[in-house]
N, C-alpha and C. Protein backbone atom coordinates (compact mmCIF):
# COMPACT_ATOMS: atom_id res chain seq x y z
N MET A 1 123.18 99.69 103.87
CA MET A 1 122.95 100.96 103.18
C MET A 1 121.46 101.16 102.95
N LEU A 2 120.99 102.37 103.23
CA LEU A 2 119.62 102.75 102.88
C LEU A 2 119.67 103.54 101.58
N TYR A 3 118.92 103.07 100.58
CA TYR A 3 118.80 103.77 99.31
C TYR A 3 117.43 104.46 99.28
N ILE A 4 117.43 105.78 99.16
CA ILE A 4 116.20 106.55 99.10
C ILE A 4 115.91 106.77 97.62
N VAL A 5 114.89 106.08 97.11
CA VAL A 5 114.69 105.97 95.67
C VAL A 5 113.43 106.71 95.23
N ALA A 6 113.59 107.61 94.28
CA ALA A 6 112.44 108.27 93.66
C ALA A 6 111.87 107.33 92.59
N THR A 7 110.56 107.10 92.64
CA THR A 7 109.90 106.21 91.67
C THR A 7 109.03 107.04 90.72
N PRO A 8 108.64 106.47 89.58
CA PRO A 8 107.84 107.23 88.61
C PRO A 8 106.55 107.77 89.21
N ILE A 9 106.15 108.96 88.75
CA ILE A 9 104.89 109.55 89.21
C ILE A 9 103.75 109.20 88.27
N GLY A 10 104.03 108.42 87.23
CA GLY A 10 102.99 108.02 86.30
C GLY A 10 103.51 107.20 85.14
N ASN A 11 104.61 107.66 84.55
CA ASN A 11 105.18 107.00 83.38
C ASN A 11 106.31 106.07 83.83
N LEU A 12 106.13 104.76 83.64
CA LEU A 12 107.14 103.80 84.11
C LEU A 12 108.48 103.99 83.42
N GLY A 13 108.48 104.63 82.25
CA GLY A 13 109.73 104.91 81.56
C GLY A 13 110.63 105.86 82.32
N ASP A 14 110.10 106.51 83.36
CA ASP A 14 110.89 107.46 84.14
C ASP A 14 111.66 106.79 85.28
N LEU A 15 111.54 105.47 85.42
CA LEU A 15 112.36 104.77 86.41
C LEU A 15 113.80 104.79 85.93
N THR A 16 114.69 105.36 86.72
CA THR A 16 116.07 105.53 86.27
C THR A 16 116.84 104.21 86.37
N PRO A 17 117.92 104.06 85.62
CA PRO A 17 118.75 102.86 85.74
C PRO A 17 119.26 102.62 87.15
N ARG A 18 119.64 103.68 87.84
CA ARG A 18 120.13 103.51 89.22
C ARG A 18 119.02 103.03 90.15
N ALA A 19 117.81 103.55 89.95
CA ALA A 19 116.69 103.10 90.77
C ALA A 19 116.39 101.63 90.50
N ARG A 20 116.37 101.25 89.24
CA ARG A 20 116.12 99.85 88.88
C ARG A 20 117.18 98.94 89.51
N GLU A 21 118.43 99.34 89.41
CA GLU A 21 119.51 98.53 89.97
C GLU A 21 119.32 98.34 91.47
N ALA A 22 118.95 99.41 92.17
CA ALA A 22 118.74 99.32 93.61
C ALA A 22 117.57 98.40 93.93
N LEU A 23 116.46 98.57 93.22
CA LEU A 23 115.28 97.74 93.48
C LEU A 23 115.56 96.25 93.20
N GLU A 24 116.42 95.99 92.22
CA GLU A 24 116.75 94.61 91.88
C GLU A 24 117.71 93.96 92.87
N SER A 25 118.53 94.78 93.52
CA SER A 25 119.64 94.21 94.29
C SER A 25 119.44 94.19 95.80
N VAL A 26 118.56 95.04 96.33
CA VAL A 26 118.43 95.11 97.79
C VAL A 26 117.68 93.91 98.35
N GLU A 27 117.85 93.71 99.64
CA GLU A 27 117.20 92.60 100.33
C GLU A 27 115.83 92.99 100.88
N VAL A 28 115.63 94.29 101.12
CA VAL A 28 114.37 94.76 101.71
C VAL A 28 113.94 96.03 100.98
N ILE A 29 112.62 96.14 100.71
CA ILE A 29 112.06 97.39 100.20
C ILE A 29 111.04 97.89 101.21
N ALA A 30 111.26 99.11 101.70
CA ALA A 30 110.29 99.77 102.59
C ALA A 30 109.52 100.77 101.73
N CYS A 31 108.20 100.63 101.71
CA CYS A 31 107.41 101.43 100.78
C CYS A 31 106.09 101.85 101.41
N GLU A 32 105.47 102.82 100.80
CA GLU A 32 104.22 103.38 101.29
C GLU A 32 103.09 102.35 101.21
N ASP A 33 102.92 101.73 100.06
CA ASP A 33 101.87 100.74 99.82
C ASP A 33 102.50 99.56 99.11
N THR A 34 102.58 98.42 99.78
CA THR A 34 103.27 97.27 99.21
C THR A 34 102.61 96.82 97.91
N ARG A 35 101.30 96.99 97.78
CA ARG A 35 100.62 96.57 96.55
C ARG A 35 101.04 97.46 95.37
N ARG A 36 101.13 98.75 95.60
CA ARG A 36 101.54 99.67 94.52
C ARG A 36 102.99 99.39 94.11
N THR A 37 103.86 99.20 95.09
CA THR A 37 105.26 98.96 94.76
C THR A 37 105.44 97.60 94.10
N TRP A 38 104.67 96.60 94.54
CA TRP A 38 104.74 95.30 93.89
C TRP A 38 104.26 95.41 92.44
N GLY A 39 103.30 96.26 92.18
CA GLY A 39 102.85 96.49 90.81
C GLY A 39 103.97 97.08 89.96
N LEU A 40 104.73 98.02 90.54
CA LEU A 40 105.87 98.60 89.83
C LEU A 40 106.92 97.54 89.54
N LEU A 41 107.24 96.75 90.54
CA LEU A 41 108.25 95.70 90.37
C LEU A 41 107.82 94.71 89.29
N SER A 42 106.56 94.31 89.34
CA SER A 42 106.05 93.35 88.36
C SER A 42 106.13 93.91 86.94
N ALA A 43 105.72 95.18 86.78
CA ALA A 43 105.73 95.81 85.46
C ALA A 43 107.15 95.91 84.91
N CYS A 44 108.13 96.00 85.80
CA CYS A 44 109.52 96.15 85.37
C CYS A 44 110.27 94.82 85.38
N GLY A 45 109.58 93.73 85.71
CA GLY A 45 110.22 92.41 85.72
C GLY A 45 111.23 92.23 86.83
N ILE A 46 111.00 92.90 87.97
CA ILE A 46 111.92 92.82 89.10
C ILE A 46 111.37 91.86 90.14
N PRO A 47 112.14 90.85 90.56
CA PRO A 47 111.66 89.90 91.58
C PRO A 47 111.32 90.62 92.89
N ARG A 48 110.37 90.05 93.60
CA ARG A 48 109.92 90.67 94.85
C ARG A 48 110.79 90.23 96.02
N PRO A 49 111.45 91.19 96.69
CA PRO A 49 112.18 90.87 97.92
C PRO A 49 111.25 90.97 99.14
N GLU A 50 111.81 90.95 100.33
CA GLU A 50 111.01 91.24 101.52
C GLU A 50 110.54 92.68 101.44
N MET A 51 109.26 92.91 101.81
CA MET A 51 108.71 94.26 101.74
C MET A 51 108.14 94.66 103.09
N ILE A 52 108.38 95.90 103.47
CA ILE A 52 107.87 96.46 104.72
C ILE A 52 107.02 97.68 104.37
N SER A 53 105.82 97.73 104.88
CA SER A 53 104.97 98.91 104.67
C SER A 53 105.41 100.00 105.64
N TYR A 54 105.84 101.13 105.09
CA TYR A 54 106.26 102.27 105.90
C TYR A 54 105.41 103.46 105.47
N ARG A 55 104.46 103.84 106.32
CA ARG A 55 103.50 104.88 105.95
C ARG A 55 103.07 105.66 107.19
N GLN A 56 102.31 106.72 106.95
CA GLN A 56 101.77 107.51 108.05
C GLN A 56 100.94 106.63 108.96
N GLY A 57 101.29 106.59 110.25
CA GLY A 57 100.54 105.79 111.21
C GLY A 57 101.30 104.59 111.73
N ASN A 58 102.21 104.05 110.93
CA ASN A 58 102.97 102.88 111.41
C ASN A 58 104.48 103.13 111.35
N GLU A 59 104.87 104.39 111.15
CA GLU A 59 106.27 104.68 110.90
C GLU A 59 107.18 104.33 112.07
N GLU A 60 106.68 104.41 113.30
CA GLU A 60 107.53 104.10 114.44
C GLU A 60 107.87 102.61 114.47
N ARG A 61 106.85 101.78 114.38
CA ARG A 61 107.06 100.33 114.42
C ARG A 61 107.85 99.84 113.20
N ALA A 62 107.44 100.32 112.02
CA ALA A 62 108.14 99.91 110.79
C ALA A 62 109.57 100.44 110.79
N GLY A 63 109.76 101.64 111.31
CA GLY A 63 111.09 102.22 111.37
C GLY A 63 112.05 101.38 112.19
N GLU A 64 111.55 100.83 113.29
CA GLU A 64 112.40 99.97 114.12
C GLU A 64 112.87 98.74 113.34
N ARG A 65 111.97 98.16 112.55
CA ARG A 65 112.33 96.99 111.74
C ARG A 65 113.38 97.35 110.69
N ILE A 66 113.21 98.52 110.08
CA ILE A 66 114.15 98.94 109.04
C ILE A 66 115.52 99.24 109.62
N ILE A 67 115.57 99.92 110.74
CA ILE A 67 116.86 100.21 111.39
C ILE A 67 117.55 98.92 111.79
N ALA A 68 116.77 97.97 112.31
CA ALA A 68 117.35 96.68 112.70
C ALA A 68 117.93 95.97 111.48
N ALA A 69 117.22 96.02 110.36
CA ALA A 69 117.72 95.39 109.13
C ALA A 69 119.02 96.05 108.68
N LEU A 70 119.08 97.36 108.73
CA LEU A 70 120.29 98.08 108.32
C LEU A 70 121.46 97.75 109.25
N LYS A 71 121.20 97.69 110.55
CA LYS A 71 122.26 97.39 111.51
C LYS A 71 122.79 95.98 111.34
N SER A 72 121.94 95.09 110.83
CA SER A 72 122.39 93.71 110.60
C SER A 72 123.15 93.56 109.29
N GLY A 73 123.30 94.65 108.55
CA GLY A 73 124.07 94.61 107.31
C GLY A 73 123.24 94.42 106.05
N ARG A 74 121.91 94.42 106.19
CA ARG A 74 121.06 94.24 105.02
C ARG A 74 120.89 95.58 104.29
N SER A 75 120.71 95.51 102.99
CA SER A 75 120.47 96.72 102.19
C SER A 75 118.97 96.94 102.05
N VAL A 76 118.56 98.21 102.12
CA VAL A 76 117.14 98.57 102.13
C VAL A 76 116.89 99.72 101.15
N VAL A 77 115.82 99.60 100.36
CA VAL A 77 115.32 100.72 99.56
C VAL A 77 114.13 101.33 100.29
N LEU A 78 114.10 102.64 100.37
CA LEU A 78 112.93 103.37 100.84
C LEU A 78 112.31 104.07 99.64
N CYS A 79 111.04 103.80 99.36
CA CYS A 79 110.37 104.47 98.25
C CYS A 79 108.93 104.76 98.62
N SER A 80 108.29 105.63 97.84
CA SER A 80 106.88 105.96 98.04
C SER A 80 106.09 105.46 96.85
N ASP A 81 104.80 105.77 96.81
CA ASP A 81 103.97 105.35 95.67
C ASP A 81 104.37 106.06 94.39
N GLY A 82 104.99 107.23 94.50
CA GLY A 82 105.44 107.98 93.33
C GLY A 82 106.23 109.19 93.76
N GLY A 83 107.34 109.47 93.07
CA GLY A 83 108.18 110.59 93.45
C GLY A 83 109.14 110.21 94.56
N TYR A 84 109.53 111.23 95.33
CA TYR A 84 110.51 111.01 96.39
C TYR A 84 109.85 110.64 97.72
N PRO A 85 110.35 109.61 98.40
CA PRO A 85 109.90 109.41 99.78
C PRO A 85 110.45 110.54 100.65
N GLY A 86 109.67 110.95 101.61
CA GLY A 86 110.09 112.07 102.46
C GLY A 86 109.51 113.39 102.02
N ILE A 87 108.93 113.45 100.81
CA ILE A 87 108.25 114.66 100.35
C ILE A 87 106.76 114.46 100.57
N SER A 88 106.21 115.15 101.54
CA SER A 88 104.79 115.03 101.90
C SER A 88 104.44 113.61 102.33
N ASP A 89 105.37 112.93 102.99
CA ASP A 89 105.10 111.64 103.62
C ASP A 89 106.10 111.47 104.76
N PRO A 90 105.97 110.44 105.60
CA PRO A 90 106.81 110.35 106.80
C PRO A 90 108.23 109.86 106.55
N GLY A 91 108.65 109.70 105.30
CA GLY A 91 109.97 109.19 105.01
C GLY A 91 111.10 109.97 105.66
N TYR A 92 110.91 111.27 105.85
CA TYR A 92 111.98 112.07 106.45
C TYR A 92 112.30 111.60 107.86
N ARG A 93 111.30 111.03 108.56
CA ARG A 93 111.54 110.55 109.93
C ARG A 93 112.54 109.39 109.92
N LEU A 94 112.37 108.49 108.96
CA LEU A 94 113.31 107.37 108.85
C LEU A 94 114.71 107.88 108.50
N VAL A 95 114.79 108.87 107.62
CA VAL A 95 116.09 109.43 107.26
C VAL A 95 116.77 110.00 108.50
N ARG A 96 116.02 110.69 109.34
CA ARG A 96 116.59 111.24 110.57
C ARG A 96 117.08 110.12 111.49
N GLU A 97 116.32 109.05 111.59
CA GLU A 97 116.72 107.93 112.45
C GLU A 97 117.99 107.27 111.92
N VAL A 98 118.08 107.13 110.62
CA VAL A 98 119.27 106.53 110.02
C VAL A 98 120.49 107.41 110.26
N ILE A 99 120.33 108.71 110.08
CA ILE A 99 121.44 109.64 110.34
C ILE A 99 121.85 109.57 111.81
N ALA A 100 120.87 109.57 112.72
CA ALA A 100 121.17 109.54 114.15
C ALA A 100 121.89 108.26 114.54
N ALA A 101 121.59 107.17 113.84
CA ALA A 101 122.22 105.89 114.15
C ALA A 101 123.59 105.75 113.50
N GLY A 102 123.98 106.75 112.72
CA GLY A 102 125.29 106.70 112.08
C GLY A 102 125.37 105.70 110.93
N LEU A 103 124.23 105.40 110.32
CA LEU A 103 124.19 104.42 109.23
C LEU A 103 124.25 105.14 107.88
N PRO A 104 124.80 104.49 106.86
CA PRO A 104 124.95 105.16 105.56
C PRO A 104 123.63 105.22 104.79
N LEU A 105 123.47 106.26 104.00
CA LEU A 105 122.31 106.39 103.13
C LEU A 105 122.72 107.08 101.84
N GLN A 106 121.92 106.86 100.81
CA GLN A 106 122.19 107.47 99.51
C GLN A 106 120.86 107.77 98.84
N VAL A 107 120.74 108.97 98.26
CA VAL A 107 119.53 109.36 97.54
C VAL A 107 119.75 109.12 96.05
N LEU A 108 118.80 108.40 95.42
CA LEU A 108 118.85 108.15 93.99
C LEU A 108 117.79 109.01 93.32
N PRO A 109 118.18 110.08 92.63
CA PRO A 109 117.23 111.06 92.09
C PRO A 109 116.31 110.46 91.02
N GLY A 110 115.18 111.14 90.85
CA GLY A 110 114.22 110.70 89.83
C GLY A 110 113.06 111.66 89.72
N ALA A 111 111.90 111.13 89.36
CA ALA A 111 110.73 111.96 89.08
C ALA A 111 110.20 112.65 90.34
N SER A 112 109.65 113.84 90.13
CA SER A 112 109.05 114.61 91.21
C SER A 112 107.88 115.42 90.65
N ALA A 113 106.68 115.21 91.19
CA ALA A 113 105.51 115.96 90.73
C ALA A 113 105.70 117.45 90.97
N VAL A 114 106.36 117.81 92.05
CA VAL A 114 106.60 119.23 92.36
C VAL A 114 107.43 119.87 91.26
N ASP A 115 108.53 119.23 90.90
CA ASP A 115 109.42 119.79 89.88
C ASP A 115 108.75 119.86 88.51
N VAL A 116 108.07 118.79 88.13
CA VAL A 116 107.41 118.75 86.82
C VAL A 116 106.35 119.84 86.73
N ALA A 117 105.52 119.95 87.76
CA ALA A 117 104.46 120.96 87.75
C ALA A 117 105.03 122.36 87.73
N LEU A 118 106.06 122.60 88.51
CA LEU A 118 106.66 123.93 88.60
C LEU A 118 107.20 124.36 87.24
N VAL A 119 107.93 123.48 86.58
CA VAL A 119 108.52 123.84 85.29
C VAL A 119 107.43 124.00 84.23
N ALA A 120 106.42 123.10 84.24
CA ALA A 120 105.36 123.15 83.23
C ALA A 120 104.43 124.34 83.41
N SER A 121 104.38 124.91 84.61
CA SER A 121 103.45 126.01 84.89
C SER A 121 103.79 127.28 84.12
N GLY A 122 105.06 127.49 83.82
CA GLY A 122 105.48 128.74 83.20
C GLY A 122 105.65 129.87 84.19
N LEU A 123 105.54 129.58 85.48
CA LEU A 123 105.72 130.59 86.52
C LEU A 123 107.16 130.60 87.00
N PRO A 124 107.58 131.67 87.70
CA PRO A 124 108.98 131.77 88.11
C PRO A 124 109.44 130.59 88.97
N THR A 125 110.67 130.16 88.74
CA THR A 125 111.21 129.00 89.45
C THR A 125 112.42 129.31 90.31
N ALA A 126 112.84 130.57 90.34
CA ALA A 126 114.04 130.92 91.09
C ALA A 126 113.87 130.63 92.58
N SER A 127 112.67 130.82 93.09
CA SER A 127 112.37 130.48 94.48
C SER A 127 110.91 130.06 94.57
N TYR A 128 110.64 129.07 95.38
CA TYR A 128 109.26 128.59 95.54
C TYR A 128 109.09 127.92 96.89
N THR A 129 107.85 127.77 97.31
CA THR A 129 107.51 127.08 98.54
C THR A 129 106.61 125.90 98.20
N PHE A 130 106.98 124.73 98.69
CA PHE A 130 106.10 123.57 98.58
C PHE A 130 105.39 123.39 99.91
N LYS A 131 104.05 123.34 99.87
CA LYS A 131 103.26 123.35 101.10
C LYS A 131 102.50 122.05 101.36
N GLY A 132 102.78 120.99 100.60
CA GLY A 132 102.11 119.72 100.86
C GLY A 132 100.64 119.78 100.51
N PHE A 133 99.81 119.08 101.31
CA PHE A 133 98.36 119.07 101.11
C PHE A 133 97.71 120.14 101.98
N PRO A 134 96.81 120.95 101.45
CA PRO A 134 96.11 121.94 102.26
C PRO A 134 95.06 121.28 103.15
N PRO A 135 94.66 121.96 104.23
CA PRO A 135 93.60 121.43 105.11
C PRO A 135 92.25 121.45 104.40
N ARG A 136 91.30 120.68 104.92
CA ARG A 136 89.99 120.56 104.28
C ARG A 136 89.02 121.66 104.70
N LYS A 137 89.05 122.05 105.98
CA LYS A 137 88.04 122.98 106.48
C LYS A 137 88.28 124.37 105.92
N PRO A 138 87.19 125.12 105.64
CA PRO A 138 87.31 126.43 104.97
C PRO A 138 88.23 127.42 105.66
N GLY A 139 88.11 127.58 106.97
CA GLY A 139 88.94 128.55 107.68
C GLY A 139 90.43 128.23 107.58
N PRO A 140 90.83 127.03 108.01
CA PRO A 140 92.24 126.67 107.88
C PRO A 140 92.73 126.67 106.43
N LEU A 141 91.84 126.32 105.49
CA LEU A 141 92.22 126.32 104.07
C LEU A 141 92.58 127.73 103.61
N ARG A 142 91.74 128.70 103.99
CA ARG A 142 92.04 130.08 103.60
C ARG A 142 93.34 130.56 104.24
N ARG A 143 93.56 130.22 105.52
CA ARG A 143 94.78 130.65 106.21
C ARG A 143 96.02 129.99 105.60
N PHE A 144 95.84 128.77 105.09
CA PHE A 144 96.92 128.05 104.43
C PHE A 144 97.54 128.91 103.33
N PHE A 145 96.69 129.62 102.58
CA PHE A 145 97.17 130.51 101.52
C PHE A 145 97.50 131.90 102.06
N ALA A 146 96.67 132.41 102.97
CA ALA A 146 96.87 133.76 103.48
C ALA A 146 98.22 133.93 104.17
N ASP A 147 98.72 132.88 104.79
CA ASP A 147 100.01 132.96 105.48
C ASP A 147 101.15 133.33 104.53
N ASP A 148 100.99 133.01 103.25
CA ASP A 148 102.04 133.31 102.27
C ASP A 148 101.63 134.43 101.30
N ALA A 149 100.58 135.15 101.62
CA ALA A 149 100.02 136.11 100.66
C ALA A 149 101.01 137.20 100.26
N ASP A 150 101.88 137.60 101.15
CA ASP A 150 102.79 138.71 100.86
C ASP A 150 104.15 138.25 100.33
N LEU A 151 104.35 136.95 100.23
CA LEU A 151 105.65 136.44 99.81
C LEU A 151 105.75 136.43 98.28
N PRO A 152 106.92 136.76 97.74
CA PRO A 152 107.05 136.91 96.29
C PRO A 152 107.27 135.62 95.52
N HIS A 153 107.52 134.52 96.22
CA HIS A 153 107.89 133.32 95.49
C HIS A 153 106.68 132.45 95.14
N THR A 154 106.86 131.61 94.15
CA THR A 154 105.81 130.71 93.65
C THR A 154 105.45 129.68 94.71
N MET A 155 104.18 129.30 94.75
CA MET A 155 103.68 128.32 95.71
C MET A 155 103.26 127.05 94.97
N VAL A 156 103.62 125.89 95.55
CA VAL A 156 103.23 124.60 94.98
C VAL A 156 102.57 123.78 96.09
N CYS A 157 101.46 123.12 95.76
CA CYS A 157 100.83 122.22 96.73
C CYS A 157 100.13 121.10 95.98
N PHE A 158 99.84 120.03 96.70
CA PHE A 158 99.02 118.95 96.18
C PHE A 158 97.57 119.21 96.58
N GLU A 159 96.63 118.52 95.93
CA GLU A 159 95.23 118.61 96.34
C GLU A 159 94.48 117.36 95.91
N SER A 160 93.45 117.03 96.67
CA SER A 160 92.57 115.92 96.32
C SER A 160 91.82 116.25 95.04
N PRO A 161 91.58 115.28 94.16
CA PRO A 161 90.83 115.57 92.93
C PRO A 161 89.39 115.99 93.19
N PHE A 162 88.91 115.79 94.41
CA PHE A 162 87.53 116.13 94.74
C PHE A 162 87.38 117.55 95.29
N ARG A 163 88.51 118.24 95.54
CA ARG A 163 88.42 119.55 96.18
C ARG A 163 89.17 120.65 95.42
N VAL A 164 89.43 120.43 94.16
CA VAL A 164 90.23 121.39 93.40
C VAL A 164 89.53 122.75 93.31
N GLY A 165 88.24 122.75 92.97
CA GLY A 165 87.50 124.00 92.87
C GLY A 165 87.46 124.76 94.17
N GLN A 166 87.20 124.05 95.27
CA GLN A 166 87.15 124.68 96.60
C GLN A 166 88.51 125.27 96.95
N CYS A 167 89.57 124.55 96.63
CA CYS A 167 90.92 125.01 96.95
C CYS A 167 91.26 126.26 96.15
N LEU A 168 90.93 126.28 94.88
CA LEU A 168 91.22 127.44 94.04
C LEU A 168 90.43 128.67 94.49
N ALA A 169 89.19 128.45 94.90
CA ALA A 169 88.37 129.56 95.40
C ALA A 169 88.97 130.15 96.67
N ALA A 170 89.46 129.29 97.56
CA ALA A 170 90.08 129.77 98.79
C ALA A 170 91.38 130.53 98.47
N ALA A 171 92.14 130.03 97.52
CA ALA A 171 93.37 130.72 97.12
C ALA A 171 93.06 132.10 96.55
N LEU A 172 92.01 132.18 95.73
CA LEU A 172 91.60 133.46 95.15
C LEU A 172 91.22 134.45 96.24
N GLU A 173 90.46 134.00 97.21
CA GLU A 173 90.02 134.87 98.30
C GLU A 173 91.21 135.37 99.11
N ALA A 174 92.18 134.50 99.36
CA ALA A 174 93.30 134.85 100.22
C ALA A 174 94.41 135.61 99.50
N LEU A 175 94.59 135.35 98.20
CA LEU A 175 95.75 135.86 97.48
C LEU A 175 95.42 136.92 96.44
N GLY A 176 94.15 137.02 96.04
CA GLY A 176 93.80 137.87 94.92
C GLY A 176 93.97 137.10 93.62
N ASP A 177 93.73 137.78 92.52
CA ASP A 177 93.69 137.10 91.22
C ASP A 177 95.08 137.00 90.59
N ARG A 178 95.71 135.87 90.80
CA ARG A 178 97.06 135.64 90.30
C ARG A 178 97.07 134.53 89.26
N GLU A 179 98.15 134.46 88.50
CA GLU A 179 98.33 133.34 87.57
C GLU A 179 98.56 132.05 88.35
N ALA A 180 98.06 130.96 87.78
CA ALA A 180 98.21 129.66 88.43
C ALA A 180 98.14 128.57 87.37
N ALA A 181 98.45 127.36 87.78
CA ALA A 181 98.35 126.20 86.89
C ALA A 181 97.82 125.02 87.69
N VAL A 182 96.88 124.31 87.10
CA VAL A 182 96.34 123.08 87.68
C VAL A 182 96.90 121.92 86.85
N CYS A 183 97.75 121.13 87.47
CA CYS A 183 98.46 120.05 86.77
C CYS A 183 97.87 118.70 87.18
N ILE A 184 97.34 117.98 86.22
CA ILE A 184 96.59 116.76 86.47
C ILE A 184 97.27 115.58 85.78
N GLU A 185 97.43 114.48 86.51
CA GLU A 185 97.97 113.24 85.95
C GLU A 185 99.30 113.46 85.23
N LEU A 186 100.21 114.13 85.88
CA LEU A 186 101.50 114.46 85.26
C LEU A 186 102.25 113.21 84.81
N THR A 187 102.80 113.26 83.64
CA THR A 187 103.59 112.22 82.95
C THR A 187 102.75 111.03 82.50
N LYS A 188 101.45 111.02 82.78
CA LYS A 188 100.60 109.90 82.39
C LYS A 188 99.96 110.16 81.02
N GLN A 189 99.26 109.17 80.52
CA GLN A 189 98.68 109.25 79.18
C GLN A 189 97.73 110.44 79.03
N PHE A 190 96.95 110.71 80.08
CA PHE A 190 95.96 111.78 80.00
C PHE A 190 96.40 113.02 80.79
N GLU A 191 97.69 113.30 80.75
CA GLU A 191 98.21 114.51 81.40
C GLU A 191 97.45 115.74 80.89
N ARG A 192 97.15 116.62 81.83
CA ARG A 192 96.39 117.83 81.49
C ARG A 192 96.88 118.97 82.36
N ILE A 193 97.18 120.10 81.76
CA ILE A 193 97.62 121.27 82.52
C ILE A 193 96.75 122.46 82.12
N GLU A 194 96.02 122.98 83.08
CA GLU A 194 95.16 124.15 82.86
C GLU A 194 95.84 125.37 83.47
N ARG A 195 96.13 126.36 82.63
CA ARG A 195 96.81 127.57 83.09
C ARG A 195 95.86 128.76 82.97
N GLY A 196 96.03 129.75 83.83
CA GLY A 196 95.19 130.93 83.77
C GLY A 196 95.25 131.69 85.08
N TYR A 197 94.27 132.57 85.27
CA TYR A 197 94.17 133.30 86.53
C TYR A 197 93.24 132.55 87.47
N LEU A 198 93.42 132.80 88.76
CA LEU A 198 92.65 132.07 89.76
C LEU A 198 91.15 132.24 89.57
N THR A 199 90.70 133.44 89.18
CA THR A 199 89.27 133.64 88.95
C THR A 199 88.74 132.66 87.91
N ASP A 200 89.44 132.55 86.80
CA ASP A 200 88.99 131.67 85.72
C ASP A 200 89.11 130.20 86.10
N LEU A 201 90.20 129.84 86.74
CA LEU A 201 90.41 128.45 87.11
C LEU A 201 89.40 128.01 88.17
N ALA A 202 89.13 128.88 89.16
CA ALA A 202 88.16 128.53 90.19
C ALA A 202 86.78 128.29 89.59
N ALA A 203 86.40 129.11 88.60
CA ALA A 203 85.11 128.92 87.92
C ALA A 203 85.12 127.64 87.09
N ARG A 204 86.24 127.38 86.43
CA ARG A 204 86.35 126.21 85.56
C ARG A 204 86.25 124.91 86.34
N PHE A 205 86.77 124.89 87.56
CA PHE A 205 86.78 123.66 88.35
C PHE A 205 85.72 123.64 89.45
N ASP A 206 84.86 124.63 89.48
CA ASP A 206 83.80 124.67 90.49
C ASP A 206 82.88 123.45 90.36
N GLY A 207 82.81 122.65 91.42
CA GLY A 207 81.95 121.47 91.42
C GLY A 207 82.45 120.32 90.58
N VAL A 208 83.65 120.43 90.04
CA VAL A 208 84.19 119.38 89.17
C VAL A 208 85.02 118.40 89.99
N HIS A 209 84.76 117.11 89.81
CA HIS A 209 85.59 116.07 90.41
C HIS A 209 86.60 115.62 89.36
N VAL A 210 87.83 116.01 89.55
CA VAL A 210 88.89 115.71 88.60
C VAL A 210 89.26 114.23 88.70
N LYS A 211 89.60 113.64 87.58
CA LYS A 211 90.09 112.27 87.57
C LYS A 211 91.61 112.29 87.58
N GLY A 212 92.20 111.82 88.67
CA GLY A 212 93.65 111.74 88.74
C GLY A 212 94.26 112.62 89.81
N GLU A 213 95.57 112.55 89.93
CA GLU A 213 96.30 113.29 90.94
C GLU A 213 96.54 114.74 90.48
N VAL A 214 96.51 115.65 91.45
CA VAL A 214 96.53 117.08 91.13
C VAL A 214 97.65 117.80 91.88
N THR A 215 98.39 118.63 91.14
CA THR A 215 99.37 119.52 91.73
C THR A 215 99.03 120.94 91.30
N LEU A 216 98.97 121.86 92.26
CA LEU A 216 98.65 123.26 91.97
C LEU A 216 99.91 124.11 92.08
N VAL A 217 100.05 125.05 91.16
CA VAL A 217 101.15 126.01 91.18
C VAL A 217 100.54 127.40 91.09
N ILE A 218 100.91 128.29 92.02
CA ILE A 218 100.31 129.62 92.09
C ILE A 218 101.41 130.66 92.19
N ALA A 219 101.29 131.72 91.42
CA ALA A 219 102.29 132.79 91.42
C ALA A 219 102.39 133.45 92.78
N GLY A 220 103.56 133.99 93.07
CA GLY A 220 103.77 134.73 94.30
C GLY A 220 103.22 136.15 94.19
N ASN A 221 103.50 136.94 95.21
CA ASN A 221 103.00 138.32 95.27
C ASN A 221 103.86 139.20 94.36
N ASN A 222 103.50 139.24 93.09
CA ASN A 222 104.27 139.96 92.08
C ASN A 222 103.29 140.54 91.07
N LEU A 223 103.31 141.84 90.88
CA LEU A 223 102.36 142.50 89.99
C LEU A 223 102.42 141.98 88.55
N LYS A 224 103.56 141.46 88.15
CA LYS A 224 103.69 140.93 86.78
C LYS A 224 102.76 139.75 86.54
N PHE A 225 102.36 139.07 87.61
CA PHE A 225 101.56 137.86 87.45
C PHE A 225 100.17 137.99 88.08
N SER A 226 99.73 139.25 88.26
CA SER A 226 98.39 139.49 88.82
C SER A 226 97.47 140.01 87.73
N ARG A 227 96.19 139.78 87.90
CA ARG A 227 95.21 140.22 86.91
C ARG A 227 95.21 141.74 86.80
N SER A 228 95.37 142.46 87.91
CA SER A 228 95.30 143.92 87.88
C SER A 228 96.36 144.51 86.98
N ASN A 229 97.52 143.82 86.90
CA ASN A 229 98.60 144.33 86.07
C ASN A 229 98.39 144.03 84.59
N SER A 230 97.62 142.96 84.31
CA SER A 230 97.46 142.54 82.91
C SER A 230 96.34 143.28 82.21
N ASP A 231 95.43 143.90 82.99
CA ASP A 231 94.28 144.58 82.37
C ASP A 231 94.73 145.84 81.63
């Protein structure tokens, strides 16, 4: 059995009982960074089983080892450094391989930076698009937002702590002045959520190197959440 386990995004108290049980009982853990996952296991008092690094760049080779382990009857946990594996990482490829091989799998729900940021933003949640990490170069970065400029649903993406201001400025240029939220270090001791319009947020984070992981939430194309409507 492959157990797809969501791990805490910051607060270890968010490790669910089902996730703990799986981590304690399986024979193999496939994870993004073995050092990070070993740190989680140590903090929770869970003995270390065999660990396989499954990450961008080695997923084909590591995937073969994991499929072989599953076919031999061994139980495997797939997890990432935080949140769900398969969300903005190559975990979905392993899931497809497991399905194609006719092997059983089970998802154990838990923490998600996307969900936490979306709910904390105060923006509409009925429909949204998660877009992963935006590109670094200015042209592709602007198109990353412009492609969704006319869509009414909320947008969620991750960003490097070193490029938050640049990303917000590109969003402002492509989307106009909409409500947004910059969510930093979610569920951790120094959690911080900055809400406002893109004009204000882009100025606030211009040239600022944020400490910690960042999730951005931006309103869709809706006059209720644009600066022009609020004036």
